[in-house]
Amino acid sequence: MALIRLRGPLKDRAGGSAEHPTGAATVIDALRGLEGEFPDLAGWILDERGEIRRHINVYVNGERAHEQTPIGAEERVEILPAISGGAA
Protein backbone atom coordinates (compact mmCIF):
# COMPACT_ATOMS: atom_id res chain seq x y z
CA MET A 1 0.00 0.00 0.00
CA ALA A 2 1.01 3.58 -0.58
CA LEU A 3 1.75 5.71 2.46
CA ILE A 4 0.41 9.22 3.11
CA ARG A 5 2.53 11.36 5.41
CA LEU A 6 0.95 14.40 7.06
CA ARG A 7 2.90 17.35 8.47
CA GLY A 8 2.20 20.16 10.92
CA PRO A 9 -1.37 20.80 12.08
CA LEU A 10 -2.71 18.24 9.58
CA LYS A 11 -1.06 15.47 11.60
CA ASP A 12 -2.74 16.71 14.76
CA ARG A 13 -6.16 16.70 13.06
CA ALA A 14 -5.60 13.08 12.02
CA GLY A 15 -5.36 11.83 15.58
CA GLY A 16 -1.69 12.72 15.97
CA SER A 17 -0.49 10.08 13.55
CA ALA A 18 1.78 11.21 10.72
CA GLU A 19 1.56 8.12 8.50
CA HIS A 20 -1.55 6.61 6.95
CA PRO A 21 -1.67 3.72 4.46
CA THR A 22 -3.90 4.06 1.41
CA GLY A 23 -5.01 1.82 -1.40
CA ALA A 24 -6.26 4.79 -3.45
CA ALA A 25 -5.36 5.00 -7.14
CA THR A 26 -5.05 8.82 -7.34
CA VAL A 27 -4.12 11.69 -5.05
CA ILE A 28 -7.69 13.02 -4.90
CA ASP A 29 -9.07 9.59 -3.95
CA ALA A 30 -6.46 9.30 -1.19
CA LEU A 31 -7.29 12.76 0.16
CA ARG A 32 -11.04 12.10 0.11
CA GLY A 33 -10.45 8.84 1.96
CA LEU A 34 -8.30 10.57 4.54
CA GLU A 35 -10.95 13.24 5.16
CA GLY A 36 -13.59 10.51 5.44
CA GLU A 37 -11.53 8.62 8.00
CA PHE A 38 -10.62 11.74 9.99
CA PRO A 39 -13.53 14.23 9.97
CA ASP A 40 -11.36 16.85 11.74
CA LEU A 41 -9.36 17.11 8.49
CA ALA A 42 -12.44 18.10 6.49
CA GLY A 43 -11.92 21.51 4.92
CA TRP A 44 -8.21 21.65 5.74
CA ILE A 45 -6.90 19.80 2.67
CA LEU A 46 -9.77 19.97 0.18
CA ASP A 47 -11.86 23.07 -0.43
CA GLU A 48 -15.65 23.26 -0.82
CA ARG A 49 -15.31 22.20 -4.50
CA GLY A 50 -13.33 19.11 -3.52
CA GLU A 51 -10.05 20.47 -4.92
CA ILE A 52 -6.73 20.72 -3.12
CA ARG A 53 -6.51 24.05 -1.27
CA ARG A 54 -4.01 26.59 -2.59
CA HIS A 55 -1.97 26.53 0.60
CA ILE A 56 -1.58 22.73 0.61
CA ASN A 57 1.37 21.16 -1.20
CA VAL A 58 1.18 17.53 -2.30
CA TYR A 59 4.17 15.46 -3.43
CA VAL A 60 4.35 11.88 -4.67
CA ASN A 61 7.85 10.47 -4.21
CA GLY A 62 9.23 14.00 -3.96
CA GLU A 63 7.57 15.27 -7.15
CA ARG A 64 4.86 17.95 -7.07
CA ALA A 65 1.46 16.28 -7.59
CA HIS A 66 -2.10 17.32 -8.47
CA GLU A 67 -5.53 15.76 -7.95
CA GLN A 68 -5.27 13.22 -10.77
CA THR A 69 -1.68 12.12 -10.12
CA PRO A 70 -1.69 8.30 -9.92
CA ILE A 71 -0.44 6.56 -6.79
CA GLY A 72 1.30 3.19 -6.96
CA ALA A 73 1.44 0.59 -4.22
CA GLU A 74 4.92 1.48 -2.95
CA GLU A 75 4.74 5.26 -3.29
CA ARG A 76 4.90 7.94 -0.62
CA VAL A 77 2.52 10.88 -0.63
CA GLU A 78 3.57 13.94 1.39
CA ILE A 79 0.92 16.50 2.40
CA LEU A 80 2.43 19.80 3.54
CA PRO A 81 0.64 22.97 4.58
CA ALA A 82 2.33 26.14 3.36
CA ILE A 83 4.41 27.89 5.99
CA SER A 84 4.22 31.64 6.33
CA GLY A 85 5.49 34.22 8.71
CA GLY A 86 8.90 35.43 9.65
CA ALA A 87 10.61 38.08 11.66
CA ALA A 88 9.44 41.67 11.43
C-alpha atoms as a PDB file:
ATOM      1  CA  MET A   1       0.000   0.000   0.000  1.00  0.00           C
ATOM      2  CA  ALA A   2       1.014   3.577  -0.584  1.00  0.00           C
ATOM      3  CA  LEU A   3       1.750   5.708   2.463  1.00  0.00           C
ATOM      4  CA  ILE A   4       0.405   9.218   3.108  1.00  0.00           C
ATOM      5  CA  ARG A   5       2.527  11.364   5.409  1.00  0.00           C
ATOM      6  CA  LEU A   6       0.949  14.402   7.058  1.00  0.00           C
ATOM      7  CA  ARG A   7       2.900  17.349   8.474  1.00  0.00           C
ATOM      8  CA  GLY A   8       2.196  20.161  10.920  1.00  0.00           C
ATOM      9  CA  PRO A   9      -1.372  20.796  12.077  1.00  0.00           C
ATOM     10  CA  LEU A  10      -2.713  18.241   9.585  1.00  0.00           C
ATOM     11  CA  LYS A  11      -1.058  15.475  11.597  1.00  0.00           C
ATOM     12  CA  ASP A  12      -2.743  16.713  14.763  1.00  0.00           C
ATOM     13  CA  ARG A  13      -6.158  16.701  13.060  1.00  0.00           C
ATOM     14  CA  ALA A  14      -5.599  13.081  12.017  1.00  0.00           C
ATOM     15  CA  GLY A  15      -5.362  11.829  15.576  1.00  0.00           C
ATOM     16  CA  GLY A  16      -1.685  12.721  15.966  1.00  0.00           C
ATOM     17  CA  SER A  17      -0.487  10.079  13.553  1.00  0.00           C
ATOM     18  CA  ALA A  18       1.782  11.210  10.722  1.00  0.00           C
ATOM     19  CA  GLU A  19       1.562   8.121   8.496  1.00  0.00           C
ATOM     20  CA  HIS A  20      -1.553   6.614   6.946  1.00  0.00           C
ATOM     21  CA  PRO A  21      -1.671   3.717   4.460  1.00  0.00           C
ATOM     22  CA  THR A  22      -3.896   4.064   1.408  1.00  0.00           C
ATOM     23  CA  GLY A  23      -5.008   1.819  -1.404  1.00  0.00           C
ATOM     24  CA  ALA A  24      -6.261   4.789  -3.453  1.00  0.00           C
ATOM     25  CA  ALA A  25      -5.356   5.000  -7.142  1.00  0.00           C
ATOM     26  CA  THR A  26      -5.051   8.816  -7.337  1.00  0.00           C
ATOM     27  CA  VAL A  27      -4.124  11.693  -5.048  1.00  0.00           C
ATOM     28  CA  ILE A  28      -7.695  13.016  -4.903  1.00  0.00           C
ATOM     29  CA  ASP A  29      -9.068   9.592  -3.954  1.00  0.00           C
ATOM     30  CA  ALA A  30      -6.458   9.298  -1.194  1.00  0.00           C
ATOM     31  CA  LEU A  31      -7.286  12.759   0.158  1.00  0.00           C
ATOM     32  CA  ARG A  32     -11.037  12.102   0.108  1.00  0.00           C
ATOM     33  CA  GLY A  33     -10.450   8.837   1.956  1.00  0.00           C
ATOM     34  CA  LEU A  34      -8.298  10.574   4.537  1.00  0.00           C
ATOM     35  CA  GLU A  35     -10.954  13.242   5.156  1.00  0.00           C
ATOM     36  CA  GLY A  36     -13.587  10.514   5.436  1.00  0.00           C
ATOM     37  CA  GLU A  37     -11.531   8.618   7.998  1.00  0.00           C
ATOM     38  CA  PHE A  38     -10.623  11.739   9.988  1.00  0.00           C
ATOM     39  CA  PRO A  39     -13.529  14.234   9.972  1.00  0.00           C
ATOM     40  CA  ASP A  40     -11.361  16.847  11.743  1.00  0.00           C
ATOM     41  CA  LEU A  41      -9.360  17.115   8.492  1.00  0.00           C
ATOM     42  CA  ALA A  42     -12.439  18.101   6.485  1.00  0.00           C
ATOM     43  CA  GLY A  43     -11.924  21.506   4.918  1.00  0.00           C
ATOM     44  CA  TRP A  44      -8.215  21.647   5.740  1.00  0.00           C
ATOM     45  CA  ILE A  45      -6.900  19.804   2.669  1.00  0.00           C
ATOM     46  CA  LEU A  46      -9.770  19.969   0.176  1.00  0.00           C
ATOM     47  CA  ASP A  47     -11.860  23.074  -0.429  1.00  0.00           C
ATOM     48  CA  GLU A  48     -15.651  23.262  -0.825  1.00  0.00           C
ATOM     49  CA  ARG A  49     -15.314  22.202  -4.498  1.00  0.00           C
ATOM     50  CA  GLY A  50     -13.329  19.106  -3.522  1.00  0.00           C
ATOM     51  CA  GLU A  51     -10.055  20.465  -4.918  1.00  0.00           C
ATOM     52  CA  ILE A  52      -6.728  20.724  -3.123  1.00  0.00           C
ATOM     53  CA  ARG A  53      -6.512  24.047  -1.269  1.00  0.00           C
ATOM     54  CA  ARG A  54      -4.008  26.595  -2.594  1.00  0.00           C
ATOM     55  CA  HIS A  55      -1.967  26.535   0.595  1.00  0.00           C
ATOM     56  CA  ILE A  56      -1.579  22.734   0.608  1.00  0.00           C
ATOM     57  CA  ASN A  57       1.368  21.165  -1.200  1.00  0.00           C
ATOM     58  CA  VAL A  58       1.183  17.528  -2.300  1.00  0.00           C
ATOM     59  CA  TYR A  59       4.169  15.462  -3.429  1.00  0.00           C
ATOM     60  CA  VAL A  60       4.350  11.884  -4.667  1.00  0.00           C
ATOM     61  CA  ASN A  61       7.845  10.472  -4.214  1.00  0.00           C
ATOM     62  CA  GLY A  62       9.232  14.001  -3.957  1.00  0.00           C
ATOM     63  CA  GLU A  63       7.575  15.271  -7.147  1.00  0.00           C
ATOM     64  CA  ARG A  64       4.856  17.947  -7.066  1.00  0.00           C
ATOM     65  CA  ALA A  65       1.459  16.282  -7.585  1.00  0.00           C
ATOM     66  CA  HIS A  66      -2.096  17.320  -8.466  1.00  0.00           C
ATOM     67  CA  GLU A  67      -5.528  15.764  -7.950  1.00  0.00           C
ATOM     68  CA  GLN A  68      -5.271  13.218 -10.770  1.00  0.00           C
ATOM     69  CA  THR A  69      -1.677  12.119 -10.115  1.00  0.00           C
ATOM     70  CA  PRO A  70      -1.689   8.304  -9.917  1.00  0.00           C
ATOM     71  CA  ILE A  71      -0.443   6.558  -6.788  1.00  0.00           C
ATOM     72  CA  GLY A  72       1.299   3.190  -6.963  1.00  0.00           C
ATOM     73  CA  ALA A  73       1.439   0.593  -4.216  1.00  0.00           C
ATOM     74  CA  GLU A  74       4.921   1.482  -2.951  1.00  0.00           C
ATOM     75  CA  GLU A  75       4.740   5.261  -3.294  1.00  0.00           C
ATOM     76  CA  ARG A  76       4.901   7.943  -0.623  1.00  0.00           C
ATOM     77  CA  VAL A  77       2.518  10.878  -0.628  1.00  0.00           C
ATOM     78  CA  GLU A  78       3.567  13.941   1.394  1.00  0.00           C
ATOM     79  CA  ILE A  79       0.916  16.499   2.404  1.00  0.00           C
ATOM     80  CA  LEU A  80       2.429  19.798   3.544  1.00  0.00           C
ATOM     81  CA  PRO A  81       0.641  22.966   4.582  1.00  0.00           C
ATOM     82  CA  ALA A  82       2.334  26.141   3.360  1.00  0.00           C
ATOM     83  CA  ILE A  83       4.406  27.886   5.990  1.00  0.00           C
ATOM     84  CA  SER A  84       4.216  31.635   6.329  1.00  0.00           C
ATOM     85  CA  GLY A  85       5.492  34.222   8.708  1.00  0.00           C
ATOM     86  CA  GLY A  86       8.905  35.428   9.649  1.00  0.00           C
ATOM     87  CA  ALA A  87      10.607  38.078  11.658  1.00  0.00           C
ATOM     88  CA  ALA A  88       9.439  41.666  11.433  1.00  0.00           C
END
